[in-house]
PDB file of N, CA and C in Angstrom:
ATOM      1  N   MET A   1      21.621  25.873  -7.463  1.00  0.00           N
ATOM      2  CA  MET A   1      20.803  25.061  -5.941  1.00  0.00           C
ATOM      3  C   MET A   1      20.187  23.977  -6.719  1.00  0.00           C
ATOM      4  N   ALA A   2      20.612  22.506  -5.866  1.00  0.00           N
ATOM      5  CA  ALA A   2      20.234  21.441  -6.434  1.00  0.00           C
ATOM      6  C   ALA A   2      18.775  21.217  -5.354  1.00  0.00           C
ATOM      7  N   VAL A   3      17.444  20.934  -6.138  1.00  0.00           N
ATOM      8  CA  VAL A   3      16.350  20.823  -5.306  1.00  0.00           C
ATOM      9  C   VAL A   3      15.897  19.455  -5.715  1.00  0.00           C
ATOM     10  N   LYS A   4      15.411  18.823  -4.240  1.00  0.00           N
ATOM     11  CA  LYS A   4      14.970  17.462  -4.506  1.00  0.00           C
ATOM     12  C   LYS A   4      13.231  17.755  -4.215  1.00  0.00           C
ATOM     13  N   ILE A   5      12.443  16.722  -4.822  1.00  0.00           N
ATOM     14  CA  ILE A   5      11.294  16.486  -4.228  1.00  0.00           C
ATOM     15  C   ILE A   5      11.400  15.090  -3.419  1.00  0.00           C
ATOM     16  N   ARG A   6      10.758  15.230  -2.252  1.00  0.00           N
ATOM     17  CA  ARG A   6      11.298  14.010  -1.578  1.00  0.00           C
ATOM     18  C   ARG A   6      10.251  14.056  -0.401  1.00  0.00           C
ATOM     19  N   LEU A   7       9.980  12.956   0.293  1.00  0.00           N
ATOM     20  CA  LEU A   7       9.438  12.667   1.592  1.00  0.00           C
ATOM     21  C   LEU A   7       9.742  13.205   3.092  1.00  0.00           C
ATOM     22  N   ALA A   8       8.909  14.029   3.527  1.00  0.00           N
ATOM     23  CA  ALA A   8       9.477  14.241   4.864  1.00  0.00           C
ATOM     24  C   ALA A   8       8.160  13.439   5.839  1.00  0.00           C
ATOM     25  N   ARG A   9       8.657  12.604   7.044  1.00  0.00           N
ATOM     26  CA  ARG A   9       8.261  11.756   7.818  1.00  0.00           C
ATOM     27  C   ARG A   9       7.468  12.547   8.981  1.00  0.00           C
ATOM     28  N   PHE A  10       6.215  12.455   9.415  1.00  0.00           N
ATOM     29  CA  PHE A  10       5.560  12.863  10.395  1.00  0.00           C
ATOM     30  C   PHE A  10       4.502  11.749  11.023  1.00  0.00           C
ATOM     31  N   GLY A  11       4.014  12.114  11.945  1.00  0.00           N
ATOM     32  CA  GLY A  11       3.061  10.739  12.576  1.00  0.00           C
ATOM     33  C   GLY A  11       3.959  10.315  13.807  1.00  0.00           C
ATOM     34  N   LYS A  12       2.892   8.787  14.192  1.00  0.00           N
ATOM     35  CA  LYS A  12       3.937   8.383  15.291  1.00  0.00           C
ATOM     36  C   LYS A  12       4.699   7.307  15.070  1.00  0.00           C
ATOM     37  N   THR A  13       5.173   6.859  16.050  1.00  0.00           N
ATOM     38  CA  THR A  13       5.654   5.482  15.995  1.00  0.00           C
ATOM     39  C   THR A  13       4.757   4.102  15.648  1.00  0.00           C
ATOM     40  N   ASN A  14       5.348   3.532  14.461  1.00  0.00           N
ATOM     41  CA  ASN A  14       4.713   2.431  13.859  1.00  0.00           C
ATOM     42  C   ASN A  14       3.211   3.364  13.015  1.00  0.00           C
ATOM     43  N   ALA A  15       3.064   4.396  12.602  1.00  0.00           N
ATOM     44  CA  ALA A  15       2.132   4.859  12.222  1.00  0.00           C
ATOM     45  C   ALA A  15       2.862   6.069  11.190  1.00  0.00           C
ATOM     46  N   PRO A  16       3.511   5.990   9.948  1.00  0.00           N
ATOM     47  CA  PRO A  16       3.813   6.919   9.596  1.00  0.00           C
ATOM     48  C   PRO A  16       2.780   7.733   8.665  1.00  0.00           C
ATOM     49  N   PHE A  17       3.259   8.862   8.406  1.00  0.00           N
ATOM     50  CA  PHE A  17       2.117   9.819   7.781  1.00  0.00           C
ATOM     51  C   PHE A  17       3.700  10.681   6.621  1.00  0.00           C
ATOM     52  N   TYR A  18       3.401  10.986   5.626  1.00  0.00           N
ATOM     53  CA  TYR A  18       4.217  11.462   4.883  1.00  0.00           C
ATOM     54  C   TYR A  18       3.971  13.001   3.977  1.00  0.00           C
ATOM     55  N   ASN A  19       4.858  14.177   4.231  1.00  0.00           N
ATOM     56  CA  ASN A  19       4.456  15.214   3.910  1.00  0.00           C
ATOM     57  C   ASN A  19       5.570  15.279   2.008  1.00  0.00           C
ATOM     58  N   ILE A  20       4.932  15.421   0.989  1.00  0.00           N
ATOM     59  CA  ILE A  20       5.283  15.208  -0.167  1.00  0.00           C
ATOM     60  C   ILE A  20       5.647  17.055  -0.125  1.00  0.00           C
ATOM     61  N   VAL A  21       7.533  17.046  -0.328  1.00  0.00           N
ATOM     62  CA  VAL A  21       7.804  18.042   0.210  1.00  0.00           C
ATOM     63  C   VAL A  21       8.837  18.538  -1.063  1.00  0.00           C
ATOM     64  N   VAL A  22       9.425  19.759  -1.466  1.00  0.00           N
ATOM     65  CA  VAL A  22      10.237  20.135  -2.261  1.00  0.00           C
ATOM     66  C   VAL A  22      11.087  20.988  -1.500  1.00  0.00           C
ATOM     67  N   ALA A  23      12.688  20.638  -1.247  1.00  0.00           N
ATOM     68  CA  ALA A  23      13.484  20.930  -0.612  1.00  0.00           C
ATOM     69  C   ALA A  23      14.681  20.829  -1.300  1.00  0.00           C
ATOM     70  N   ASN A  24      15.627  22.063  -0.410  1.00  0.00           N
ATOM     71  CA  ASN A  24      17.265  21.776  -0.899  1.00  0.00           C
ATOM     72  C   ASN A  24      17.616  20.576  -0.753  1.00  0.00           C
ATOM     73  N   ALA A  25      18.658  20.373  -1.571  1.00  0.00           N
ATOM     74  CA  ALA A  25      19.410  18.636  -1.792  1.00  0.00           C
ATOM     75  C   ALA A  25      20.296  17.980  -0.627  1.00  0.00           C
ATOM     76  N   ARG A  26      20.594  19.386   0.049  1.00  0.00           N
ATOM     77  CA  ARG A  26      21.462  19.318   1.012  1.00  0.00           C
ATOM     78  C   ARG A  26      21.298  19.588   2.831  1.00  0.00           C
ATOM     79  N   THR A  27      19.846  19.799   2.606  1.00  0.00           N
ATOM     80  CA  THR A  27      19.376  19.892   3.806  1.00  0.00           C
ATOM     81  C   THR A  27      18.346  18.751   4.352  1.00  0.00           C
ATOM     82  N   ALA A  28      18.329  18.711   6.009  1.00  0.00           N
ATOM     83  CA  ALA A  28      17.902  17.636   6.613  1.00  0.00           C
ATOM     84  C   ALA A  28      16.580  16.827   6.238  1.00  0.00           C
ATOM     85  N   ARG A  29      16.324  15.736   6.281  1.00  0.00           N
ATOM     86  CA  ARG A  29      15.238  15.267   6.119  1.00  0.00           C
ATOM     87  C   ARG A  29      14.137  16.229   6.384  1.00  0.00           C
ATOM     88  N   ASN A  30      13.881  16.302   7.740  1.00  0.00           N
ATOM     89  CA  ASN A  30      12.631  17.308   7.712  1.00  0.00           C
ATOM     90  C   ASN A  30      12.632  18.594   8.259  1.00  0.00           C
ATOM     91  N   SER A  31      13.825  19.306   7.833  1.00  0.00           N
ATOM     92  CA  SER A  31      13.966  20.612   8.151  1.00  0.00           C
ATOM     93  C   SER A  31      12.960  21.350   6.987  1.00  0.00           C
ATOM     94  N   LYS A  32      12.948  22.509   7.524  1.00  0.00           N
ATOM     95  CA  LYS A  32      11.659  23.642   6.903  1.00  0.00           C
ATOM     96  C   LYS A  32      12.097  23.216   5.175  1.00  0.00           C
ATOM     97  N   PRO A  33      10.718  22.817   4.691  1.00  0.00           N
ATOM     98  CA  PRO A  33      10.876  22.849   2.734  1.00  0.00           C
ATOM     99  C   PRO A  33      10.665  24.227   2.253  1.00  0.00           C
ATOM    100  N   LEU A  34      10.729  24.009   0.907  1.00  0.00           N
ATOM    101  CA  LEU A  34      10.413  25.474   0.240  1.00  0.00           C
ATOM    102  C   LEU A  34       9.265  25.514   0.130  1.00  0.00           C
ATOM    103  N   GLU A  35       8.789  24.203  -0.638  1.00  0.00           N
ATOM    104  CA  GLU A  35       7.111  23.809  -0.229  1.00  0.00           C
ATOM    105  C   GLU A  35       6.518  22.567  -0.381  1.00  0.00           C
ATOM    106  N   VAL A  36       5.118  22.777   0.342  1.00  0.00           N
ATOM    107  CA  VAL A  36       4.696  21.186   0.515  1.00  0.00           C
ATOM    108  C   VAL A  36       3.587  21.035  -0.837  1.00  0.00           C
ATOM    109  N   LEU A  37       3.856  20.143  -1.179  1.00  0.00           N
ATOM    110  CA  LEU A  37       3.054  19.534  -2.601  1.00  0.00           C
ATOM    111  C   LEU A  37       2.054  18.701  -2.281  1.00  0.00           C
ATOM    112  N   GLY A  38       1.910  17.924  -1.044  1.00  0.00           N
ATOM    113  CA  GLY A  38       0.897  17.035  -0.706  1.00  0.00           C
ATOM    114  C   GLY A  38       1.262  16.192   0.416  1.00  0.00           C
ATOM    115  N   THR A  39       0.342  15.265   0.560  1.00  0.00           N
ATOM    116  CA  THR A  39       0.454  14.083   1.326  1.00  0.00           C
ATOM    117  C   THR A  39       0.507  12.640   1.223  1.00  0.00           C
ATOM    118  N   TYR A  40       0.923  11.602   1.877  1.00  0.00           N
ATOM    119  CA  TYR A  40       0.908  10.429   1.412  1.00  0.00           C
ATOM    120  C   TYR A  40       0.787   9.632   3.064  1.00  0.00           C
ATOM    121  N   ASP A  41      -0.115   8.630   2.699  1.00  0.00           N
ATOM    122  CA  ASP A  41      -0.368   7.943   4.073  1.00  0.00           C
ATOM    123  C   ASP A  41      -0.226   6.483   3.413  1.00  0.00           C
ATOM    124  N   PRO A  42       0.980   5.806   3.906  1.00  0.00           N
ATOM    125  CA  PRO A  42       1.013   4.592   3.237  1.00  0.00           C
ATOM    126  C   PRO A  42       0.214   3.435   4.246  1.00  0.00           C
ATOM    127  N   ILE A  43      -0.418   3.611   5.124  1.00  0.00           N
ATOM    128  CA  ILE A  43      -1.331   2.863   5.684  1.00  0.00           C
ATOM    129  C   ILE A  43      -2.792   2.319   5.163  1.00  0.00           C
ATOM    130  N   PRO A  44      -2.799   1.252   4.332  1.00  0.00           N
ATOM    131  CA  PRO A  44      -4.081   0.933   3.544  1.00  0.00           C
ATOM    132  C   PRO A  44      -5.193   1.349   4.553  1.00  0.00           C
ATOM    133  N   LYS A  45      -6.246   2.020   3.927  1.00  0.00           N
ATOM    134  CA  LYS A  45      -7.339   2.660   4.548  1.00  0.00           C
ATOM    135  C   LYS A  45      -8.793   1.503   4.093  1.00  0.00           C
ATOM    136  N   PRO A  46      -9.655   0.877   4.805  1.00  0.00           N
ATOM    137  CA  PRO A  46     -10.653   0.152   4.160  1.00  0.00           C
ATOM    138  C   PRO A  46     -11.193   0.654   2.712  1.00  0.00           C
ATOM    139  N   PRO A  47     -11.901   0.082   2.265  1.00  0.00           N
ATOM    140  CA  PRO A  47     -12.122   0.661   0.831  1.00  0.00           C
ATOM    141  C   PRO A  47     -13.671   1.030   1.284  1.00  0.00           C
ATOM    142  N   PRO A  48     -14.500   2.158   0.603  1.00  0.00           N
ATOM    143  CA  PRO A  48     -15.647   2.682   0.798  1.00  0.00           C
ATOM    144  C   PRO A  48     -16.560   1.540   0.802  1.00  0.00           C
ATOM    145  N   PHE A  49     -17.817   1.601   1.835  1.00  0.00           N
ATOM    146  CA  PHE A  49     -18.750   0.892   1.513  1.00  0.00           C
ATOM    147  C   PHE A  49     -18.262  -0.752   1.651  1.00  0.00           C
ATOM    148  N   GLY A  50     -17.101  -1.150   1.581  1.00  0.00           N
ATOM    149  CA  GLY A  50     -16.553  -2.281   2.093  1.00  0.00           C
ATOM    150  C   GLY A  50     -16.365  -3.367   0.776  1.00  0.00           C
ATOM    151  N   GLN A  51     -16.666  -2.737  -0.166  1.00  0.00           N
ATOM    152  CA  GLN A  51     -16.028  -3.503  -1.515  1.00  0.00           C
ATOM    153  C   GLN A  51     -14.779  -2.927  -2.323  1.00  0.00           C
ATOM    154  N   GLY A  52     -14.034  -3.694  -2.804  1.00  0.00           N
ATOM    155  CA  GLY A  52     -12.409  -3.554  -3.574  1.00  0.00           C
ATOM    156  C   GLY A  52     -11.469  -3.532  -2.468  1.00  0.00           C
ATOM    157  N   LYS A  53     -10.548  -3.542  -2.708  1.00  0.00           N
ATOM    158  CA  LYS A  53      -9.185  -3.177  -2.372  1.00  0.00           C
ATOM    159  C   LYS A  53      -9.023  -2.173  -1.426  1.00  0.00           C
ATOM    160  N   PRO A  54      -8.219  -2.813  -0.105  1.00  0.00           N
ATOM    161  CA  PRO A  54      -7.754  -1.107   0.760  1.00  0.00           C
ATOM    162  C   PRO A  54      -6.901  -0.528  -0.456  1.00  0.00           C
ATOM    163  N   PHE A  55      -6.984   0.946  -0.165  1.00  0.00           N
ATOM    164  CA  PHE A  55      -6.296   2.182  -0.723  1.00  0.00           C
ATOM    165  C   PHE A  55      -5.287   2.705   0.273  1.00  0.00           C
ATOM    166  N   LYS A  56      -4.128   3.406  -0.260  1.00  0.00           N
ATOM    167  CA  LYS A  56      -3.219   4.357   0.566  1.00  0.00           C
ATOM    168  C   LYS A  56      -3.648   5.808  -0.277  1.00  0.00           C
ATOM    169  N   ASP A  57      -3.949   6.864   0.816  1.00  0.00           N
ATOM    170  CA  ASP A  57      -4.327   7.774   0.608  1.00  0.00           C
ATOM    171  C   ASP A  57      -3.111   9.090  -0.068  1.00  0.00           C
ATOM    172  N   ILE A  58      -3.132   9.175  -1.246  1.00  0.00           N
ATOM    173  CA  ILE A  58      -2.475  10.067  -2.151  1.00  0.00           C
ATOM    174  C   ILE A  58      -2.792  11.494  -2.203  1.00  0.00           C
ATOM    175  N   LYS A  59      -2.213  12.511  -1.422  1.00  0.00           N
ATOM    176  CA  LYS A  59      -3.091  13.907  -2.188  1.00  0.00           C
ATOM    177  C   LYS A  59      -2.124  14.589  -2.566  1.00  0.00           C
ATOM    178  N   LEU A  60      -2.079  15.267  -4.144  1.00  0.00           N
ATOM    179  CA  LEU A  60      -1.090  15.854  -4.480  1.00  0.00           C
ATOM    180  C   LEU A  60      -1.433  16.988  -5.475  1.00  0.00           C
ATOM    181  N   ASP A  61      -0.730  17.968  -5.376  1.00  0.00           N
ATOM    182  CA  ASP A  61      -1.186  19.512  -5.896  1.00  0.00           C
ATOM    183  C   ASP A  61      -0.277  18.935  -7.347  1.00  0.00           C
ATOM    184  N   THR A  62      -1.017  18.811  -8.645  1.00  0.00           N
ATOM    185  CA  THR A  62      -0.276  18.241  -9.760  1.00  0.00           C
ATOM    186  C   THR A  62       0.451  19.409 -10.155  1.00  0.00           C
ATOM    187  N   VAL A  63      -0.729  20.665 -10.382  1.00  0.00           N
ATOM    188  CA  VAL A  63      -0.075  21.749 -10.725  1.00  0.00           C
ATOM    189  C   VAL A  63       1.564  22.130 -10.427  1.00  0.00           C
ATOM    190  N   ARG A  64       1.376  22.402  -8.997  1.00  0.00           N
ATOM    191  CA  ARG A  64       2.973  22.584  -8.659  1.00  0.00           C
ATOM    192  C   ARG A  64       3.932  21.610  -8.641  1.00  0.00           C
ATOM    193  N   ALA A  65       3.608  20.363  -8.671  1.00  0.00           N
ATOM    194  CA  ALA A  65       4.344  19.268  -8.747  1.00  0.00           C
ATOM    195  C   ALA A  65       4.957  19.356 -10.236  1.00  0.00           C
ATOM    196  N   LYS A  66       4.161  19.743 -11.564  1.00  0.00           N
ATOM    197  CA  LYS A  66       4.670  19.410 -12.681  1.00  0.00           C
ATOM    198  C   LYS A  66       5.461  20.956 -13.274  1.00  0.00           C
ATOM    199  N   TYR A  67       5.172  22.197 -12.537  1.00  0.00           N
ATOM    200  CA  TYR A  67       6.201  23.045 -12.130  1.00  0.00           C
ATOM    201  C   TYR A  67       7.598  22.995 -11.795  1.00  0.00           C
ATOM    202  N   TRP A  68       7.756  22.273 -10.658  1.00  0.00           N
ATOM    203  CA  TRP A  68       9.085  21.973  -9.893  1.00  0.00           C
ATOM    204  C   TRP A  68       9.469  20.934 -10.982  1.00  0.00           C
ATOM    205  N   LEU A  69       9.195  19.826 -11.348  1.00  0.00           N
ATOM    206  CA  LEU A  69       9.933  19.001 -12.283  1.00  0.00           C
ATOM    207  C   LEU A  69      10.074  19.919 -13.814  1.00  0.00           C
ATOM    208  N   GLY A  70       9.475  20.845 -14.050  1.00  0.00           N
ATOM    209  CA  GLY A  70       9.817  21.796 -14.895  1.00  0.00           C
ATOM    210  C   GLY A  70      10.975  22.391 -15.221  1.00  0.00           C
ATOM    211  N   VAL A  71      10.876  23.045 -13.699  1.00  0.00           N
ATOM    212  CA  VAL A  71      12.156  23.787 -13.513  1.00  0.00           C
ATOM    213  C   VAL A  71      13.524  23.030 -12.999  1.00  0.00           C
ATOM    214  N   GLY A  72      13.574  21.536 -12.887  1.00  0.00           N
ATOM    215  CA  GLY A  72      14.602  20.451 -12.836  1.00  0.00           C
ATOM    216  C   GLY A  72      14.616  20.306 -11.448  1.00  0.00           C
ATOM    217  N   ALA A  73      13.403  20.151 -10.537  1.00  0.00           N
ATOM    218  CA  ALA A  73      13.500  19.330  -9.190  1.00  0.00           C
ATOM    219  C   ALA A  73      13.711  18.034  -9.440  1.00  0.00           C
ATOM    220  N   GLN A  74      14.938  17.406  -8.705  1.00  0.00           N
ATOM    221  CA  GLN A  74      14.809  15.850  -9.120  1.00  0.00           C
ATOM    222  C   GLN A  74      14.055  14.642  -7.941  1.00  0.00           C
ATOM    223  N   PRO A  75      13.282  14.179  -8.305  1.00  0.00           N
ATOM    224  CA  PRO A  75      12.292  13.202  -7.402  1.00  0.00           C
ATOM    225  C   PRO A  75      13.004  12.207  -6.382  1.00  0.00           C
ATOM    226  N   SER A  76      13.258  12.217  -5.315  1.00  0.00           N
ATOM    227  CA  SER A  76      13.713  10.440  -5.101  1.00  0.00           C
ATOM    228  C   SER A  76      13.016   9.731  -5.085  1.00  0.00           C
ATOM    229  N   ASP A  77      13.586   8.317  -5.347  1.00  0.00           N
ATOM    230  CA  ASP A  77      12.781   7.015  -6.151  1.00  0.00           C
ATOM    231  C   ASP A  77      11.420   6.866  -5.506  1.00  0.00           C
ATOM    232  N   PRO A  78      11.220   7.172  -4.180  1.00  0.00           N
ATOM    233  CA  PRO A  78       9.761   6.902  -3.467  1.00  0.00           C
ATOM    234  C   PRO A  78       8.981   7.680  -4.255  1.00  0.00           C
ATOM    235  N   VAL A  79       9.117   8.926  -4.198  1.00  0.00           N
ATOM    236  CA  VAL A  79       8.302  10.024  -4.791  1.00  0.00           C
ATOM    237  C   VAL A  79       7.813  10.121  -6.573  1.00  0.00           C
ATOM    238  N   TRP A  80       9.359   9.524  -7.231  1.00  0.00           N
ATOM    239  CA  TRP A  80       9.327   8.744  -8.204  1.00  0.00           C
ATOM    240  C   TRP A  80       7.894   8.014  -8.487  1.00  0.00           C
ATOM    241  N   ARG A  81       8.195   6.923  -7.884  1.00  0.00           N
ATOM    242  CA  ARG A  81       6.821   5.596  -7.765  1.00  0.00           C
ATOM    243  C   ARG A  81       5.531   6.760  -7.604  1.00  0.00           C
ATOM    244  N   LEU A  82       5.322   7.164  -6.617  1.00  0.00           N
ATOM    245  CA  LEU A  82       3.691   8.078  -6.279  1.00  0.00           C
ATOM    246  C   LEU A  82       3.619   9.185  -7.365  1.00  0.00           C
ATOM    247  N   LEU A  83       4.521   9.838  -8.072  1.00  0.00           N
ATOM    248  CA  LEU A  83       4.113  10.091  -8.823  1.00  0.00           C
ATOM    249  C   LEU A  83       4.178   9.699 -10.313  1.00  0.00           C
ATOM    250  N   ALA A  84       4.675   8.506 -10.756  1.00  0.00           N
ATOM    251  CA  ALA A  84       4.075   7.349 -11.616  1.00  0.00           C
ATOM    252  C   ALA A  84       2.859   7.045 -11.572  1.00  0.00           C
ATOM    253  N   MET A  85       2.511   6.597 -10.033  1.00  0.00           N
ATOM    254  CA  MET A  85       1.310   6.433 -10.032  1.00  0.00           C
ATOM    255  C   MET A  85      -0.080   7.356 -10.282  1.00  0.00           C
ATOM    256  N   VAL A  86       0.437   9.100 -10.120  1.00  0.00           N
ATOM    257  CA  VAL A  86      -0.962   9.634 -10.434  1.00  0.00           C
ATOM    258  C   VAL A  86      -0.562   9.806 -11.986  1.00  0.00           C
ATOM    259  N   GLY A  87       0.641   9.781 -12.590  1.00  0.00           N
ATOM    260  CA  GLY A  87       0.606   9.512 -13.830  1.00  0.00           C
ATOM    261  C   GLY A  87       1.470  11.236 -14.619  1.00  0.00           C
ATOM    262  N   LEU A  88       2.279  11.449 -13.563  1.00  0.00           N
ATOM    263  CA  LEU A  88       2.716  13.016 -13.957  1.00  0.00           C
ATOM    264  C   LEU A  88       4.316  12.546 -14.540  1.00  0.00           C
ATOM    265  N   ILE A  89       4.508  11.599 -14.401  1.00  0.00           N
ATOM    266  CA  ILE A  89       5.902  11.396 -14.937  1.00  0.00           C
ATOM    267  C   ILE A  89       5.971   9.494 -15.397  1.00  0.00           C
ATOM    268  N   GLU A  90       6.645   8.963 -15.875  1.00  0.00           N
ATOM    269  CA  GLU A  90       6.760   7.449 -16.599  1.00  0.00           C
ATOM    270  C   GLU A  90       7.352   6.589 -15.284  1.00  0.00           C
ATOM    271  N   PRO A  91       7.408   5.892 -15.394  1.00  0.00           N
ATOM    272  CA  PRO A  91       7.909   4.558 -14.154  1.00  0.00           C
ATOM    273  C   PRO A  91       9.154   4.262 -14.316  1.00  0.00           C
ATOM    274  N   LYS A  92      10.085   4.627 -13.512  1.00  0.00           N
ATOM    275  CA  LYS A  92      11.425   3.869 -13.960  1.00  0.00           C
ATOM    276  C   LYS A  92      11.563   2.505 -14.291  1.00  0.00           C
ATOM    277  N   TYR A  93      10.922   1.810 -13.361  1.00  0.00           N
ATOM    278  CA  TYR A  93      11.062   0.225 -13.685  1.00  0.00           C
ATOM    279  C   TYR A  93       9.118  -0.334 -13.693  1.00  0.00           C
ATOM    280  N   SER A  94       9.152  -0.789 -14.823  1.00  0.00           N
ATOM    281  CA  SER A  94       8.176  -1.531 -14.917  1.00  0.00           C
ATOM    282  C   SER A  94       7.965  -3.332 -14.602  1.00  0.00           C
ATOM    283  N   ILE A  95       7.404  -4.019 -14.918  1.00  0.00           N
ATOM    284  CA  ILE A  95       7.231  -5.607 -14.859  1.00  0.00           C
ATOM    285  C   ILE A  95       7.671  -5.717 -16.666  1.00  0.00           C
ATOM    286  N   ILE A  96       7.059  -5.221 -17.282  1.00  0.00           N
ATOM    287  CA  ILE A  96       6.865  -5.483 -18.604  1.00  0.00           C
ATOM    288  C   ILE A  96       8.593  -5.251 -19.105  1.00  0.00           C
ATOM    289  N   GLN A  97       9.327  -4.126 -18.430  1.00  0.00           N
ATOM    290  CA  GLN A  97      10.536  -4.017 -19.075  1.00  0.00           C
ATOM    291  C   GLN A  97      10.882  -5.024 -18.293  1.00  0.00           C
ATOM    292  N   ALA A  98      11.295  -5.598 -17.527  1.00  0.00           N
ATOM    293  CA  ALA A  98      11.954  -6.298 -16.341  1.00  0.00           C
ATOM    294  C   ALA A  98      11.639  -7.552 -17.274  1.00  0.00           C
ATOM    295  N   ARG A  99      10.449  -8.041 -17.902  1.00  0.00           N
ATOM    296  CA  ARG A  99      10.704  -9.310 -18.952  1.00  0.00           C
ATOM    297  C   ARG A  99      11.313  -9.539 -20.022  1.00  0.00           C
ATOM    298  N   GLN A 100      10.996  -8.071 -20.828  1.00  0.00           N
ATOM    299  CA  GLN A 100      11.926  -8.035 -22.241  1.00  0.00           C
ATOM    300  C   GLN A 100      13.587  -7.730 -22.065  1.00  0.00           C
ATOM    301  N   GLN A 101      13.873  -7.486 -20.590  1.00  0.00           N
ATOM    302  CA  GLN A 101      15.694  -7.490 -20.846  1.00  0.00           C
ATOM    303  C   GLN A 101      15.643  -8.924 -21.347  1.00  0.00           C
ATOM    304  N   LYS A 102      17.007  -9.014 -22.497  1.00  0.00           N
ATOM    305  CA  LYS A 102      17.571  -9.974 -22.843  1.00  0.00           C
ATOM    306  C   LYS A 102      18.323 -11.073 -21.571  1.00  0.00           C
ATOM    307  N   PRO A 103      18.150 -12.332 -21.672  1.00  0.00           N
ATOM    308  CA  PRO A 103      19.166 -12.500 -20.680  1.00  0.00           C
ATOM    309  C   PRO A 103      20.774 -12.699 -20.547  1.00  0.00           C
ATOM    310  N   LYS A 104      21.146 -12.594 -19.803  1.00  0.00           N
ATOM    311  CA  LYS A 104      22.301 -12.529 -19.874  1.00  0.00           C
ATOM    312  C   LYS A 104      23.471 -13.658 -20.551  1.00  0.00           C
ATOM    313  N   PRO A 105      24.642 -13.235 -21.426  1.00  0.00           N
ATOM    314  CA  PRO A 105      25.087 -14.499 -22.208  1.00  0.00           C
ATOM    315  C   PRO A 105      25.718 -15.471 -21.651  1.00  0.00           C
ATOM    316  N   THR A 106      25.790 -16.223 -21.671  1.00  0.00           N
ATOM    317  CA  THR A 106      26.710 -17.485 -20.614  1.00  0.00           C
ATOM    318  C   THR A 106      27.709 -17.561 -20.998  1.00  0.00           C
ATOM    319  N   LEU A 107      28.823 -17.797 -20.584  1.00  0.00           N
ATOM    320  CA  LEU A 107      30.338 -17.823 -20.536  1.00  0.00           C
ATOM    321  C   LEU A 107      30.751 -18.872 -21.250  1.00  0.00           C
ATOM    322  N   THR A 108      31.676 -19.401 -22.378  1.00  0.00           N
ATOM    323  CA  THR A 108      32.246 -20.559 -22.724  1.00  0.00           C
ATOM    324  C   THR A 108      32.618 -21.490 -21.329  1.00  0.00           C
ATOM    325  N   SER A 109      32.736 -22.653 -21.247  1.00  0.00           N
ATOM    326  CA  SER A 109      33.501 -23.521 -20.536  1.00  0.00           C
ATOM    327  C   SER A 109      35.031 -23.239 -20.512  1.00  0.00           C
ATOM    328  N   PRO A 110      35.739 -23.702 -19.497  1.00  0.00           N
ATOM    329  CA  PRO A 110      37.016 -23.631 -19.664  1.00  0.00           C
ATOM    330  C   PRO A 110      37.536 -24.638 -20.664  1.00  0.00           C
ATOM    331  N   ARG A 111      36.986 -25.503 -20.061  1.00  0.00           N
ATOM    332  CA  ARG A 111      37.293 -26.741 -21.263  1.00  0.00           C
ATOM    333  C   ARG A 111      37.363 -26.470 -22.612  1.00  0.00           C
ATOM    334  N   SER A 112      36.547 -25.938 -23.287  1.00  0.00           N
ATOM    335  CA  SER A 112      36.635 -25.306 -24.538  1.00  0.00           C
ATOM    336  C   SER A 112      37.909 -24.577 -25.127  1.00  0.00           C
ATOM    337  N   ALA A 113      38.442 -23.866 -24.243  1.00  0.00           N
ATOM    338  CA  ALA A 113      39.488 -23.304 -24.438  1.00  0.00           C
ATOM    339  C   ALA A 113      40.758 -23.858 -24.355  1.00  0.00           C
ATOM    340  N   GLU A 114      40.969 -24.987 -23.488  1.00  0.00           N
ATOM    341  CA  GLU A 114      41.999 -25.819 -23.435  1.00  0.00           C
ATOM    342  C   GLU A 114      42.128 -27.167 -24.739  1.00  0.00           C
ATOM    343  N   THR A 115      40.926 -27.405 -25.457  1.00  0.00           N
ATOM    344  CA  THR A 115      40.390 -28.095 -26.586  1.00  0.00           C
ATOM    345  C   THR A 115      40.829 -27.408 -27.803  1.00  0.00           C
ATOM    346  N   ALA A 116      41.041 -25.798 -27.617  1.00  0.00           N
ATOM    347  CA  ALA A 116      41.153 -25.557 -28.839  1.00  0.00           C
ATOM    348  C   ALA A 116      42.686 -25.266 -29.255  1.00  0.00           C
ATOM    349  N   PRO A 117      43.054 -25.709 -30.348  1.00  0.00           N
ATOM    350  CA  PRO A 117      44.184 -25.773 -31.276  1.00  0.00           C
ATOM    351  C   PRO A 117      45.203 -24.365 -31.049  1.00  0.00           C
ATOM    352  N   ILE A 118      46.349 -24.480 -30.377  1.00  0.00           N
ATOM    353  CA  ILE A 118      46.841 -23.593 -30.374  1.00  0.00           C
ATOM    354  C   ILE A 118      48.226 -23.454 -31.876  1.00  0.00           C
ATOM    355  N   SER A 119      48.159 -22.271 -32.032  1.00  0.00           N
ATOM    356  CA  SER A 119      48.927 -22.137 -33.479  1.00  0.00           C
ATOM    357  C   SER A 119      50.217 -21.288 -33.020  1.00  0.00           C
ATOM    358  N   ALA A 120      51.092 -22.071 -33.643  1.00  0.00           N
ATOM    359  CA  ALA A 120      52.720 -21.749 -32.945  1.00  0.00           C
ATOM    360  C   ALA A 120      53.635 -20.922 -34.107  1.00  0.00           C
TER     361      ALA A 120
END
């Protein structure tokens, strides 16, 4: 049985709210999950006491999340990003990795092939 950790959407129109759930990979998005690991509210909340940046609320049962990752549950891309923010797994992509990638090699111009000597 393939198991995924993914987001199940709740909330109203233009006010999303997600449950972080463990579910069978072949079930629908909002079907009954095997377990609810936490919640994610993507709408930024004002900072406490009016100082700092707005924040998005993530509540997660880290012990159960580690368990499900340990038994082979595959996180979806948005959940991977959330788990990386919490510190449970390594980020898939980072800005540093993107900058360190080597530039693609340039192709030689077609004229250099034409001027090359042809051996017969």
